[in-house]
Amino acid sequence: LNLTGTGFFLRGFLQVRQMVPDRTLDASVSGIAGCGHMIMSVCI
């Protein structure tokens, strides 16, 4: 859950600051939230 929250925070921070991340950072931020969702799904 907190990994997911961290991914959302990072993505949102970049959006509000209007920073365009490179492909690697963009994929990493998506991966953080995605991994958090997968972990929660298995636990549920």
Full PDB file with SEQRES, HELIX, SHEET, SSBOND, CRYST1, ORIGX, SCALE, CONECT and MASTER records, all heavy atoms in Angstrom:
SEQRES   1 A   44  LEU ASN LEU THR GLY THR GLY PHE PHE LEU ARG GLY PHE          
SEQRES   2 A   44  LEU GLN VAL ARG GLN MET VAL PRO ASP ARG THR LEU ASP          
SEQRES   3 A   44  ALA SER VAL SER GLY ILE ALA GLY CYS GLY HIS MET ILE          
SEQRES   4 A   44  MET SER VAL CYS ILE                                          
HELIX    1 AA1 ASN A    2  VAL A   16  1                                  15    
HELIX    2 AA2 ARG A   23  CYS A   43  1                                  21    
CRYST1    1.000    1.000    1.000  90.00  90.00  90.00 P 1           1          
ORIGX1      1.000000  0.000000  0.000000        0.00000                         
ORIGX2      0.000000  1.000000  0.000000        0.00000                         
ORIGX3      0.000000  0.000000  1.000000        0.00000                         
SCALE1      1.000000  0.000000  0.000000        0.00000                         
SCALE2      0.000000  1.000000  0.000000        0.00000                         
SCALE3      0.000000  0.000000  1.000000        0.00000                         
ATOM      1  N   LEU A   1       0.829  -1.211   0.000  1.00  0.00           N  
ATOM      2  CA  LEU A   1       0.000   0.000   0.000  1.00  0.00           C  
ATOM      3  C   LEU A   1       0.859   1.255   0.000  1.00  0.00           C  
ATOM      4  O   LEU A   1       0.622   2.188  -0.768  1.00  0.00           O  
ATOM      5  CB  LEU A   1      -0.937  -0.006   1.216  1.00  0.00           C  
ATOM      6  CG  LEU A   1      -1.806   1.240   1.429  1.00  0.00           C  
ATOM      7  CD1 LEU A   1      -2.676   1.534   0.219  1.00  0.00           C  
ATOM      8  CD2 LEU A   1      -2.655   1.065   2.682  1.00  0.00           C  
ATOM      9  N   ASN A   2       1.872   1.270   0.833  1.00  0.00           N  
ATOM     10  CA  ASN A   2       2.722   2.461   0.913  1.00  0.00           C  
ATOM     11  C   ASN A   2       3.663   2.583  -0.279  1.00  0.00           C  
ATOM     12  O   ASN A   2       4.037   3.700  -0.660  1.00  0.00           O  
ATOM     13  CB  ASN A   2       3.459   2.480   2.241  1.00  0.00           C  
ATOM     14  CG  ASN A   2       2.499   2.752   3.378  1.00  0.00           C  
ATOM     15  OD1 ASN A   2       1.801   3.750   3.376  1.00  0.00           O  
ATOM     16  ND2 ASN A   2       2.419   1.830   4.319  1.00  0.00           N  
ATOM     17  N   LEU A   3       4.009   1.472  -0.891  1.00  0.00           N  
ATOM     18  CA  LEU A   3       4.770   1.518  -2.140  1.00  0.00           C  
ATOM     19  C   LEU A   3       3.908   2.141  -3.239  1.00  0.00           C  
ATOM     20  O   LEU A   3       4.370   2.988  -4.007  1.00  0.00           O  
ATOM     21  CB  LEU A   3       5.213   0.104  -2.523  1.00  0.00           C  
ATOM     22  CG  LEU A   3       6.286  -0.058  -3.567  1.00  0.00           C  
ATOM     23  CD1 LEU A   3       7.576   0.636  -3.133  1.00  0.00           C  
ATOM     24  CD2 LEU A   3       6.562  -1.532  -3.804  1.00  0.00           C  
ATOM     25  N   THR A   4       2.646   1.745  -3.293  1.00  0.00           N  
ATOM     26  CA  THR A   4       1.706   2.331  -4.243  1.00  0.00           C  
ATOM     27  C   THR A   4       1.570   3.829  -3.992  1.00  0.00           C  
ATOM     28  O   THR A   4       1.618   4.639  -4.928  1.00  0.00           O  
ATOM     29  CB  THR A   4       0.331   1.645  -4.123  1.00  0.00           C  
ATOM     30  OG1 THR A   4       0.488   0.264  -4.429  1.00  0.00           O  
ATOM     31  CG2 THR A   4      -0.684   2.270  -5.058  1.00  0.00           C  
ATOM     32  N   GLY A   5       1.396   4.205  -2.733  1.00  0.00           N  
ATOM     33  CA  GLY A   5       1.284   5.616  -2.377  1.00  0.00           C  
ATOM     34  C   GLY A   5       2.521   6.409  -2.777  1.00  0.00           C  
ATOM     35  O   GLY A   5       2.418   7.539  -3.259  1.00  0.00           O  
ATOM     36  N   THR A   6       3.685   5.808  -2.605  1.00  0.00           N  
ATOM     37  CA  THR A   6       4.939   6.465  -3.004  1.00  0.00           C  
ATOM     38  C   THR A   6       4.981   6.692  -4.510  1.00  0.00           C  
ATOM     39  O   THR A   6       5.373   7.770  -4.976  1.00  0.00           O  
ATOM     40  CB  THR A   6       6.153   5.631  -2.561  1.00  0.00           C  
ATOM     41  OG1 THR A   6       6.118   5.482  -1.135  1.00  0.00           O  
ATOM     42  CG2 THR A   6       7.459   6.266  -2.981  1.00  0.00           C  
ATOM     43  N   GLY A   7       4.564   5.687  -5.274  1.00  0.00           N  
ATOM     44  CA  GLY A   7       4.518   5.840  -6.738  1.00  0.00           C  
ATOM     45  C   GLY A   7       3.577   6.947  -7.160  1.00  0.00           C  
ATOM     46  O   GLY A   7       3.891   7.763  -8.028  1.00  0.00           O  
ATOM     47  N   PHE A   8       2.395   6.996  -6.519  1.00  0.00           N  
ATOM     48  CA  PHE A   8       1.438   8.059  -6.834  1.00  0.00           C  
ATOM     49  C   PHE A   8       1.991   9.430  -6.456  1.00  0.00           C  
ATOM     50  O   PHE A   8       1.812  10.400  -7.186  1.00  0.00           O  
ATOM     51  CB  PHE A   8       0.121   7.838  -6.104  1.00  0.00           C  
ATOM     52  CG  PHE A   8      -0.700   6.702  -6.653  1.00  0.00           C  
ATOM     53  CD1 PHE A   8      -1.701   6.134  -5.885  1.00  0.00           C  
ATOM     54  CD2 PHE A   8      -0.491   6.193  -7.920  1.00  0.00           C  
ATOM     55  CE1 PHE A   8      -2.473   5.097  -6.379  1.00  0.00           C  
ATOM     56  CE2 PHE A   8      -1.249   5.155  -8.414  1.00  0.00           C  
ATOM     57  CZ  PHE A   8      -2.249   4.609  -7.647  1.00  0.00           C  
ATOM     58  N   PHE A   9       2.645   9.496  -5.297  1.00  0.00           N  
ATOM     59  CA  PHE A   9       3.218  10.770  -4.864  1.00  0.00           C  
ATOM     60  C   PHE A   9       4.279  11.252  -5.856  1.00  0.00           C  
ATOM     61  O   PHE A   9       4.277  12.427  -6.256  1.00  0.00           O  
ATOM     62  CB  PHE A   9       3.826  10.644  -3.463  1.00  0.00           C  
ATOM     63  CG  PHE A   9       4.527  11.898  -3.022  1.00  0.00           C  
ATOM     64  CD1 PHE A   9       3.804  12.971  -2.531  1.00  0.00           C  
ATOM     65  CD2 PHE A   9       5.907  12.008  -3.134  1.00  0.00           C  
ATOM     66  CE1 PHE A   9       4.453  14.140  -2.153  1.00  0.00           C  
ATOM     67  CE2 PHE A   9       6.558  13.170  -2.755  1.00  0.00           C  
ATOM     68  CZ  PHE A   9       5.829  14.241  -2.263  1.00  0.00           C  
ATOM     69  N   LEU A  10       5.183  10.359  -6.237  1.00  0.00           N  
ATOM     70  CA  LEU A  10       6.244  10.755  -7.170  1.00  0.00           C  
ATOM     71  C   LEU A  10       5.669  11.213  -8.504  1.00  0.00           C  
ATOM     72  O   LEU A  10       6.068  12.247  -9.042  1.00  0.00           O  
ATOM     73  CB  LEU A  10       7.220   9.595  -7.380  1.00  0.00           C  
ATOM     74  CG  LEU A  10       8.070   9.205  -6.178  1.00  0.00           C  
ATOM     75  CD1 LEU A  10       8.852   7.928  -6.466  1.00  0.00           C  
ATOM     76  CD2 LEU A  10       9.011  10.333  -5.786  1.00  0.00           C  
ATOM     77  N   ARG A  11       4.716  10.438  -9.043  1.00  0.00           N  
ATOM     78  CA  ARG A  11       4.097  10.801 -10.324  1.00  0.00           C  
ATOM     79  C   ARG A  11       3.380  12.154 -10.197  1.00  0.00           C  
ATOM     80  O   ARG A  11       3.533  13.032 -11.042  1.00  0.00           O  
ATOM     81  CB  ARG A  11       3.112   9.716 -10.745  1.00  0.00           C  
ATOM     82  CG  ARG A  11       2.241  10.045 -11.913  1.00  0.00           C  
ATOM     83  CD  ARG A  11       2.904   9.958 -13.254  1.00  0.00           C  
ATOM     84  NE  ARG A  11       3.372   8.603 -13.468  1.00  0.00           N  
ATOM     85  CZ  ARG A  11       4.423   8.311 -14.221  1.00  0.00           C  
ATOM     86  NH1 ARG A  11       5.067   9.263 -14.849  1.00  0.00           N  
ATOM     87  NH2 ARG A  11       4.814   7.071 -14.367  1.00  0.00           N  
ATOM     88  N   GLY A  12       2.612  12.319  -9.133  1.00  0.00           N  
ATOM     89  CA  GLY A  12       1.871  13.562  -8.936  1.00  0.00           C  
ATOM     90  C   GLY A  12       2.783  14.757  -8.747  1.00  0.00           C  
ATOM     91  O   GLY A  12       2.521  15.845  -9.270  1.00  0.00           O  
ATOM     92  N   PHE A  13       3.868  14.574  -7.994  1.00  0.00           N  
ATOM     93  CA  PHE A  13       4.826  15.657  -7.782  1.00  0.00           C  
ATOM     94  C   PHE A  13       5.407  16.107  -9.120  1.00  0.00           C  
ATOM     95  O   PHE A  13       5.501  17.313  -9.399  1.00  0.00           O  
ATOM     96  CB  PHE A  13       5.937  15.201  -6.829  1.00  0.00           C  
ATOM     97  CG  PHE A  13       6.916  16.286  -6.502  1.00  0.00           C  
ATOM     98  CD1 PHE A  13       6.651  17.186  -5.482  1.00  0.00           C  
ATOM     99  CD2 PHE A  13       8.102  16.415  -7.212  1.00  0.00           C  
ATOM    100  CE1 PHE A  13       7.551  18.195  -5.172  1.00  0.00           C  
ATOM    101  CE2 PHE A  13       9.007  17.420  -6.916  1.00  0.00           C  
ATOM    102  CZ  PHE A  13       8.732  18.306  -5.890  1.00  0.00           C  
ATOM    103  N   LEU A  14       5.790  15.146  -9.953  1.00  0.00           N  
ATOM    104  CA  LEU A  14       6.339  15.489 -11.270  1.00  0.00           C  
ATOM    105  C   LEU A  14       5.294  16.211 -12.122  1.00  0.00           C  
ATOM    106  O   LEU A  14       5.621  17.158 -12.842  1.00  0.00           O  
ATOM    107  CB  LEU A  14       6.819  14.219 -11.988  1.00  0.00           C  
ATOM    108  CG  LEU A  14       8.026  13.511 -11.382  1.00  0.00           C  
ATOM    109  CD1 LEU A  14       8.261  12.171 -12.070  1.00  0.00           C  
ATOM    110  CD2 LEU A  14       9.278  14.385 -11.480  1.00  0.00           C  
ATOM    111  N   GLN A  15       4.045  15.777 -12.035  1.00  0.00           N  
ATOM    112  CA  GLN A  15       2.984  16.418 -12.818  1.00  0.00           C  
ATOM    113  C   GLN A  15       2.736  17.857 -12.369  1.00  0.00           C  
ATOM    114  O   GLN A  15       2.626  18.758 -13.205  1.00  0.00           O  
ATOM    115  CB  GLN A  15       1.684  15.610 -12.702  1.00  0.00           C  
ATOM    116  CG  GLN A  15       1.748  14.280 -13.410  1.00  0.00           C  
ATOM    117  CD  GLN A  15       0.592  13.367 -13.027  1.00  0.00           C  
ATOM    118  OE1 GLN A  15      -0.002  13.499 -11.966  1.00  0.00           O  
ATOM    119  NE2 GLN A  15       0.291  12.419 -13.913  1.00  0.00           N  
ATOM    120  N   VAL A  16       2.648  18.070 -11.069  1.00  0.00           N  
ATOM    121  CA  VAL A  16       2.385  19.422 -10.565  1.00  0.00           C  
ATOM    122  C   VAL A  16       3.549  20.346 -10.879  1.00  0.00           C  
ATOM    123  O   VAL A  16       3.351  21.504 -11.266  1.00  0.00           O  
ATOM    124  CB  VAL A  16       2.094  19.395  -9.045  1.00  0.00           C  
ATOM    125  CG1 VAL A  16       2.033  20.797  -8.477  1.00  0.00           C  
ATOM    126  CG2 VAL A  16       0.785  18.653  -8.774  1.00  0.00           C  
ATOM    127  N   ARG A  17       4.742  19.856 -10.740  1.00  0.00           N  
ATOM    128  CA  ARG A  17       5.930  20.664 -11.055  1.00  0.00           C  
ATOM    129  C   ARG A  17       6.173  20.764 -12.558  1.00  0.00           C  
ATOM    130  O   ARG A  17       7.102  21.433 -12.993  1.00  0.00           O  
ATOM    131  CB  ARG A  17       7.177  20.088 -10.366  1.00  0.00           C  
ATOM    132  CG  ARG A  17       7.163  20.271  -8.873  1.00  0.00           C  
ATOM    133  CD  ARG A  17       7.246  21.725  -8.562  1.00  0.00           C  
ATOM    134  NE  ARG A  17       7.237  21.940  -7.127  1.00  0.00           N  
ATOM    135  CZ  ARG A  17       7.110  23.112  -6.589  1.00  0.00           C  
ATOM    136  NH1 ARG A  17       6.985  24.171  -7.337  1.00  0.00           N  
ATOM    137  NH2 ARG A  17       7.092  23.250  -5.290  1.00  0.00           N  
ATOM    138  N   GLN A  18       5.333  20.099 -13.329  1.00  0.00           N  
ATOM    139  CA  GLN A  18       5.400  20.082 -14.781  1.00  0.00           C  
ATOM    140  C   GLN A  18       6.775  19.664 -15.290  1.00  0.00           C  
ATOM    141  O   GLN A  18       7.301  20.220 -16.255  1.00  0.00           O  
ATOM    142  CB  GLN A  18       4.951  21.424 -15.343  1.00  0.00           C  
ATOM    143  CG  GLN A  18       3.516  21.723 -14.978  1.00  0.00           C  
ATOM    144  CD  GLN A  18       3.016  23.046 -15.492  1.00  0.00           C  
ATOM    145  OE1 GLN A  18       3.783  23.906 -15.906  1.00  0.00           O  
ATOM    146  NE2 GLN A  18       1.712  23.225 -15.453  1.00  0.00           N  
ATOM    147  N   MET A  19       7.310  18.665 -14.624  1.00  0.00           N  
ATOM    148  CA  MET A  19       8.586  18.081 -15.038  1.00  0.00           C  
ATOM    149  C   MET A  19       8.287  16.893 -15.947  1.00  0.00           C  
ATOM    150  O   MET A  19       7.423  16.081 -15.629  1.00  0.00           O  
ATOM    151  CB  MET A  19       9.381  17.596 -13.825  1.00  0.00           C  
ATOM    152  CG  MET A  19       9.674  18.665 -12.816  1.00  0.00           C  
ATOM    153  SD  MET A  19      10.302  17.904 -11.303  1.00  0.00           S  
ATOM    154  CE  MET A  19      11.660  18.955 -10.934  1.00  0.00           C  
ATOM    155  N   VAL A  20       8.968  16.814 -17.050  1.00  0.00           N  
ATOM    156  CA  VAL A  20       8.776  15.694 -17.965  1.00  0.00           C  
ATOM    157  C   VAL A  20       9.921  14.710 -17.718  1.00  0.00           C  
ATOM    158  O   VAL A  20      11.070  14.985 -18.063  1.00  0.00           O  
ATOM    159  CB  VAL A  20       8.778  16.172 -19.435  1.00  0.00           C  
ATOM    160  CG1 VAL A  20       8.612  15.000 -20.374  1.00  0.00           C  
ATOM    161  CG2 VAL A  20       7.696  17.212 -19.646  1.00  0.00           C  
ATOM    162  N   PRO A  21       9.598  13.569 -17.091  1.00  0.00           N  
ATOM    163  CA  PRO A  21      10.659  12.613 -16.779  1.00  0.00           C  
ATOM    164  C   PRO A  21      11.133  11.894 -18.041  1.00  0.00           C  
ATOM    165  O   PRO A  21      10.383  11.741 -19.015  1.00  0.00           O  
ATOM    166  CB  PRO A  21       9.976  11.633 -15.816  1.00  0.00           C  
ATOM    167  CG  PRO A  21       8.535  11.702 -16.168  1.00  0.00           C  
ATOM    168  CD  PRO A  21       8.297  13.105 -16.640  1.00  0.00           C  
ATOM    169  N   ASP A  22      12.388  11.450 -18.017  1.00  0.00           N  
ATOM    170  CA  ASP A  22      12.859  10.641 -19.134  1.00  0.00           C  
ATOM    171  C   ASP A  22      12.180   9.278 -19.066  1.00  0.00           C  
ATOM    172  O   ASP A  22      11.494   8.953 -18.095  1.00  0.00           O  
ATOM    173  CB  ASP A  22      14.384  10.528 -19.147  1.00  0.00           C  
ATOM    174  CG  ASP A  22      14.958   9.810 -17.929  1.00  0.00           C  
ATOM    175  OD1 ASP A  22      14.178   9.221 -17.159  1.00  0.00           O  
ATOM    176  OD2 ASP A  22      16.179   9.838 -17.760  1.00  0.00           O  
ATOM    177  N   ARG A  23      12.357   8.468 -20.090  1.00  0.00           N  
ATOM    178  CA  ARG A  23      11.648   7.187 -20.173  1.00  0.00           C  
ATOM    179  C   ARG A  23      11.973   6.269 -19.006  1.00  0.00           C  
ATOM    180  O   ARG A  23      11.102   5.557 -18.513  1.00  0.00           O  
ATOM    181  CB  ARG A  23      11.978   6.502 -21.494  1.00  0.00           C  
ATOM    182  CG  ARG A  23      11.333   7.194 -22.674  1.00  0.00           C  
ATOM    183  CD  ARG A  23      11.677   6.549 -23.974  1.00  0.00           C  
ATOM    184  NE  ARG A  23      11.241   5.158 -23.965  1.00  0.00           N  
ATOM    185  CZ  ARG A  23      11.461   4.319 -24.950  1.00  0.00           C  
ATOM    186  NH1 ARG A  23      12.099   4.719 -26.027  1.00  0.00           N  
ATOM    187  NH2 ARG A  23      11.047   3.072 -24.870  1.00  0.00           N  
ATOM    188  N   THR A  24      13.205   6.282 -18.556  1.00  0.00           N  
ATOM    189  CA  THR A  24      13.607   5.405 -17.460  1.00  0.00           C  
ATOM    190  C   THR A  24      12.923   5.802 -16.159  1.00  0.00           C  
ATOM    191  O   THR A  24      12.375   4.942 -15.454  1.00  0.00           O  
ATOM    192  CB  THR A  24      15.145   5.450 -17.272  1.00  0.00           C  
ATOM    193  OG1 THR A  24      15.777   5.134 -18.521  1.00  0.00           O  
ATOM    194  CG2 THR A  24      15.592   4.487 -16.207  1.00  0.00           C  
ATOM    195  N   LEU A  25      12.939   7.083 -15.838  1.00  0.00           N  
ATOM    196  CA  LEU A  25      12.273   7.553 -14.621  1.00  0.00           C  
ATOM    197  C   LEU A  25      10.769   7.322 -14.701  1.00  0.00           C  
ATOM    198  O   LEU A  25      10.139   6.885 -13.732  1.00  0.00           O  
ATOM    199  CB  LEU A  25      12.580   9.023 -14.363  1.00  0.00           C  
ATOM    200  CG  LEU A  25      11.927   9.644 -13.123  1.00  0.00           C  
ATOM    201  CD1 LEU A  25      12.379   8.912 -11.862  1.00  0.00           C  
ATOM    202  CD2 LEU A  25      12.253  11.115 -13.035  1.00  0.00           C  
ATOM    203  N   ASP A  26      10.197   7.592 -15.859  1.00  0.00           N  
ATOM    204  CA  ASP A  26       8.765   7.398 -16.053  1.00  0.00           C  
ATOM    205  C   ASP A  26       8.381   5.931 -15.813  1.00  0.00           C  
ATOM    206  O   ASP A  26       7.418   5.641 -15.094  1.00  0.00           O  
ATOM    207  CB  ASP A  26       8.373   7.834 -17.465  1.00  0.00           C  
ATOM    208  CG  ASP A  26       6.881   7.848 -17.681  1.00  0.00           C  
ATOM    209  OD1 ASP A  26       6.169   8.450 -16.855  1.00  0.00           O  
ATOM    210  OD2 ASP A  26       6.429   7.251 -18.674  1.00  0.00           O  
ATOM    211  N   ALA A  27       9.142   5.027 -16.386  1.00  0.00           N  
ATOM    212  CA  ALA A  27       8.877   3.594 -16.203  1.00  0.00           C  
ATOM    213  C   ALA A  27       9.106   3.166 -14.759  1.00  0.00           C  
ATOM    214  O   ALA A  27       8.368   2.332 -14.225  1.00  0.00           O  
ATOM    215  CB  ALA A  27       9.754   2.778 -17.142  1.00  0.00           C  
ATOM    216  N   SER A  28      10.099   3.743 -14.119  1.00  0.00           N  
ATOM    217  CA  SER A  28      10.381   3.401 -12.720  1.00  0.00           C  
ATOM    218  C   SER A  28       9.252   3.814 -11.796  1.00  0.00           C  
ATOM    219  O   SER A  28       8.847   3.053 -10.915  1.00  0.00           O  
ATOM    220  CB  SER A  28      11.684   4.071 -12.260  1.00  0.00           C  
ATOM    221  OG  SER A  28      12.769   3.607 -13.010  1.00  0.00           O  
ATOM    222  N   VAL A  29       8.736   5.007 -11.996  1.00  0.00           N  
ATOM    223  CA  VAL A  29       7.632   5.496 -11.155  1.00  0.00           C  
ATOM    224  C   VAL A  29       6.391   4.631 -11.373  1.00  0.00           C  
ATOM    225  O   VAL A  29       5.718   4.241 -10.414  1.00  0.00           O  
ATOM    226  CB  VAL A  29       7.341   6.989 -11.439  1.00  0.00           C  
ATOM    227  CG1 VAL A  29       6.071   7.441 -10.760  1.00  0.00           C  
ATOM    228  CG2 VAL A  29       8.517   7.848 -11.003  1.00  0.00           C  
ATOM    229  N   SER A  30       6.102   4.287 -12.619  1.00  0.00           N  
ATOM    230  CA  SER A  30       4.969   3.401 -12.904  1.00  0.00           C  
ATOM    231  C   SER A  30       5.190   2.028 -12.284  1.00  0.00           C  
ATOM    232  O   SER A  30       4.253   1.417 -11.759  1.00  0.00           O  
ATOM    233  CB  SER A  30       4.762   3.260 -14.412  1.00  0.00           C  
ATOM    234  OG  SER A  30       4.385   4.485 -14.976  1.00  0.00           O  
ATOM    235  N   GLY A  31       6.418   1.557 -12.350  1.00  0.00           N  
ATOM    236  CA  GLY A  31       6.751   0.250 -11.782  1.00  0.00           C  
ATOM    237  C   GLY A  31       6.585   0.208 -10.280  1.00  0.00           C  
ATOM    238  O   GLY A  31       6.138  -0.801  -9.717  1.00  0.00           O  
ATOM    239  N   ILE A  32       6.918   1.303  -9.604  1.00  0.00           N  
ATOM    240  CA  ILE A  32       6.769   1.373  -8.145  1.00  0.00           C  
ATOM    241  C   ILE A  32       5.298   1.192  -7.767  1.00  0.00           C  
ATOM    242  O   ILE A  32       4.953   0.347  -6.936  1.00  0.00           O  
ATOM    243  CB  ILE A  32       7.322   2.709  -7.596  1.00  0.00           C  
ATOM    244  CG1 ILE A  32       8.842   2.725  -7.695  1.00  0.00           C  
ATOM    245  CG2 ILE A  32       6.873   2.945  -6.166  1.00  0.00           C  
ATOM    246  CD1 ILE A  32       9.470   4.083  -7.419  1.00  0.00           C  
ATOM    247  N   ALA A  33       4.431   1.963  -8.402  1.00  0.00           N  
ATOM    248  CA  ALA A  33       2.996   1.849  -8.093  1.00  0.00           C  
ATOM    249  C   ALA A  33       2.454   0.487  -8.512  1.00  0.00           C  
ATOM    250  O   ALA A  33       1.646  -0.115  -7.795  1.00  0.00           O  
ATOM    251  CB  ALA A  33       2.224   2.970  -8.787  1.00  0.00           C  
ATOM    252  N   GLY A  34       2.901  -0.013  -9.632  1.00  0.00           N  
ATOM    253  CA  GLY A  34       2.440  -1.322 -10.111  1.00  0.00           C  
ATOM    254  C   GLY A  34       2.842  -2.454  -9.190  1.00  0.00           C  
ATOM    255  O   GLY A  34       2.040  -3.346  -8.898  1.00  0.00           O  
ATOM    256  N   CYS A  35       4.088  -2.420  -8.718  1.00  0.00           N  
ATOM    257  CA  CYS A  35       4.541  -3.458  -7.775  1.00  0.00           C  
ATOM    258  C   CYS A  35       3.746  -3.404  -6.477  1.00  0.00           C  
ATOM    259  O   CYS A  35       3.378  -4.441  -5.916  1.00  0.00           O  
ATOM    260  CB  CYS A  35       6.035  -3.303  -7.482  1.00  0.00           C  
ATOM    261  SG  CYS A  35       7.090  -3.801  -8.843  1.00  0.00           S  
ATOM    262  N   GLY A  36       3.468  -2.214  -6.009  1.00  0.00           N  
ATOM    263  CA  GLY A  36       2.662  -2.065  -4.802  1.00  0.00           C  
ATOM    264  C   GLY A  36       1.275  -2.666  -4.979  1.00  0.00           C  
ATOM    265  O   GLY A  36       0.777  -3.367  -4.101  1.00  0.00           O  
ATOM    266  N   HIS A  37       0.654  -2.417  -6.129  1.00  0.00           N  
ATOM    267  CA  HIS A  37      -0.662  -2.989  -6.407  1.00  0.00           C  
ATOM    268  C   HIS A  37      -0.601  -4.523  -6.450  1.00  0.00           C  
ATOM    269  O   HIS A  37      -1.499  -5.199  -5.943  1.00  0.00           O  
ATOM    270  CB  HIS A  37      -1.218  -2.448  -7.733  1.00  0.00           C  
ATOM    271  CG  HIS A  37      -1.910  -1.144  -7.618  1.00  0.00           C  
ATOM    272  ND1 HIS A  37      -1.265   0.055  -7.794  1.00  0.00           N  
ATOM    273  CD2 HIS A  37      -3.196  -0.832  -7.338  1.00  0.00           C  
ATOM    274  CE1 HIS A  37      -2.138   1.042  -7.644  1.00  0.00           C  
ATOM    275  NE2 HIS A  37      -3.320   0.535  -7.357  1.00  0.00           N  
ATOM    276  N   MET A  38       0.431  -5.064  -7.064  1.00  0.00           N  
ATOM    277  CA  MET A  38       0.551  -6.523  -7.143  1.00  0.00           C  
ATOM    278  C   MET A  38       0.742  -7.154  -5.762  1.00  0.00           C  
ATOM    279  O   MET A  38       0.131  -8.177  -5.448  1.00  0.00           O  
ATOM    280  CB  MET A  38       1.696  -6.915  -8.076  1.00  0.00           C  
ATOM    281  CG  MET A  38       1.387  -6.664  -9.529  1.00  0.00           C  
ATOM    282  SD  MET A  38       2.627  -7.292 -10.666  1.00  0.00           S  
ATOM    283  CE  MET A  38       3.949  -6.126 -10.424  1.00  0.00           C  
ATOM    284  N   ILE A  39       1.563  -6.527  -4.939  1.00  0.00           N  
ATOM    285  CA  ILE A  39       1.785  -7.033  -3.580  1.00  0.00           C  
ATOM    286  C   ILE A  39       0.468  -7.029  -2.802  1.00  0.00           C  
ATOM    287  O   ILE A  39       0.120  -8.014  -2.145  1.00  0.00           O  
ATOM    288  CB  ILE A  39       2.864  -6.193  -2.858  1.00  0.00           C  
ATOM    289  CG1 ILE A  39       4.233  -6.437  -3.487  1.00  0.00           C  
ATOM    290  CG2 ILE A  39       2.890  -6.502  -1.362  1.00  0.00           C  
ATOM    291  CD1 ILE A  39       5.309  -5.449  -3.059  1.00  0.00           C  
ATOM    292  N   MET A  40      -0.258  -5.929  -2.879  1.00  0.00           N  
ATOM    293  CA  MET A  40      -1.547  -5.855  -2.179  1.00  0.00           C  
ATOM    294  C   MET A  40      -2.515  -6.911  -2.697  1.00  0.00           C  
ATOM    295  O   MET A  40      -3.244  -7.535  -1.907  1.00  0.00           O  
ATOM    296  CB  MET A  40      -2.174  -4.472  -2.350  1.00  0.00           C  
ATOM    297  CG  MET A  40      -1.559  -3.414  -1.497  1.00  0.00           C  
ATOM    298  SD  MET A  40      -2.475  -1.858  -1.558  1.00  0.00           S  
ATOM    299  CE  MET A  40      -2.392  -1.438  -3.273  1.00  0.00           C  
ATOM    300  N   SER A  41      -2.553  -7.117  -3.994  1.00  0.00           N  
ATOM    301  CA  SER A  41      -3.470  -8.096  -4.583  1.00  0.00           C  
ATOM    302  C   SER A  41      -3.211  -9.498  -4.051  1.00  0.00           C  
ATOM    303  O   SER A  41      -4.152 -10.210  -3.679  1.00  0.00           O  
ATOM    304  CB  SER A  41      -3.341  -8.105  -6.110  1.00  0.00           C  
ATOM    305  OG  SER A  41      -3.691  -6.859  -6.633  1.00  0.00           O  
ATOM    306  N   VAL A  42      -1.960  -9.888  -4.009  1.00  0.00           N  
ATOM    307  CA  VAL A  42      -1.610 -11.216  -3.493  1.00  0.00           C  
ATOM    308  C   VAL A  42      -2.015 -11.334  -2.024  1.00  0.00           C  
ATOM    309  O   VAL A  42      -2.595 -12.346  -1.608  1.00  0.00           O  
ATOM    310  CB  VAL A  42      -0.096 -11.502  -3.682  1.00  0.00           C  
ATOM    311  CG1 VAL A  42       0.335 -12.739  -2.930  1.00  0.00           C  
ATOM    312  CG2 VAL A  42       0.235 -11.620  -5.163  1.00  0.00           C  
ATOM    313  N   CYS A  43      -1.742 -10.314  -1.245  1.00  0.00           N  
ATOM    314  CA  CYS A  43      -2.094 -10.343   0.178  1.00  0.00           C  
ATOM    315  C   CYS A  43      -3.600 -10.415   0.388  1.00  0.00           C  
ATOM    316  O   CYS A  43      -4.084 -11.144   1.263  1.00  0.00           O  
ATOM    317  CB  CYS A  43      -1.512  -9.133   0.907  1.00  0.00           C  
ATOM    318  SG  CYS A  43       0.283  -9.162   1.028  1.00  0.00           S  
ATOM    319  N   ILE A  44      -4.360  -9.673  -0.409  1.00  0.00           N  
ATOM    320  CA  ILE A  44      -5.820  -9.710  -0.298  1.00  0.00           C  
ATOM    321  C   ILE A  44      -6.340 -11.112  -0.610  1.00  0.00           C  
ATOM    322  O   ILE A  44      -7.194 -11.642   0.102  1.00  0.00           O  
ATOM    323  CB  ILE A  44      -6.472  -8.653  -1.215  1.00  0.00           C  
ATOM    324  CG1 ILE A  44      -6.232  -7.256  -0.646  1.00  0.00           C  
ATOM    325  CG2 ILE A  44      -7.969  -8.912  -1.382  1.00  0.00           C  
ATOM    326  CD1 ILE A  44      -6.638  -6.123  -1.571  1.00  0.00           C  
TER     327      ILE A  44                                                      
MASTER        0    0    0    2    0    0    0    6  326    1    0    4          
END                                                                             
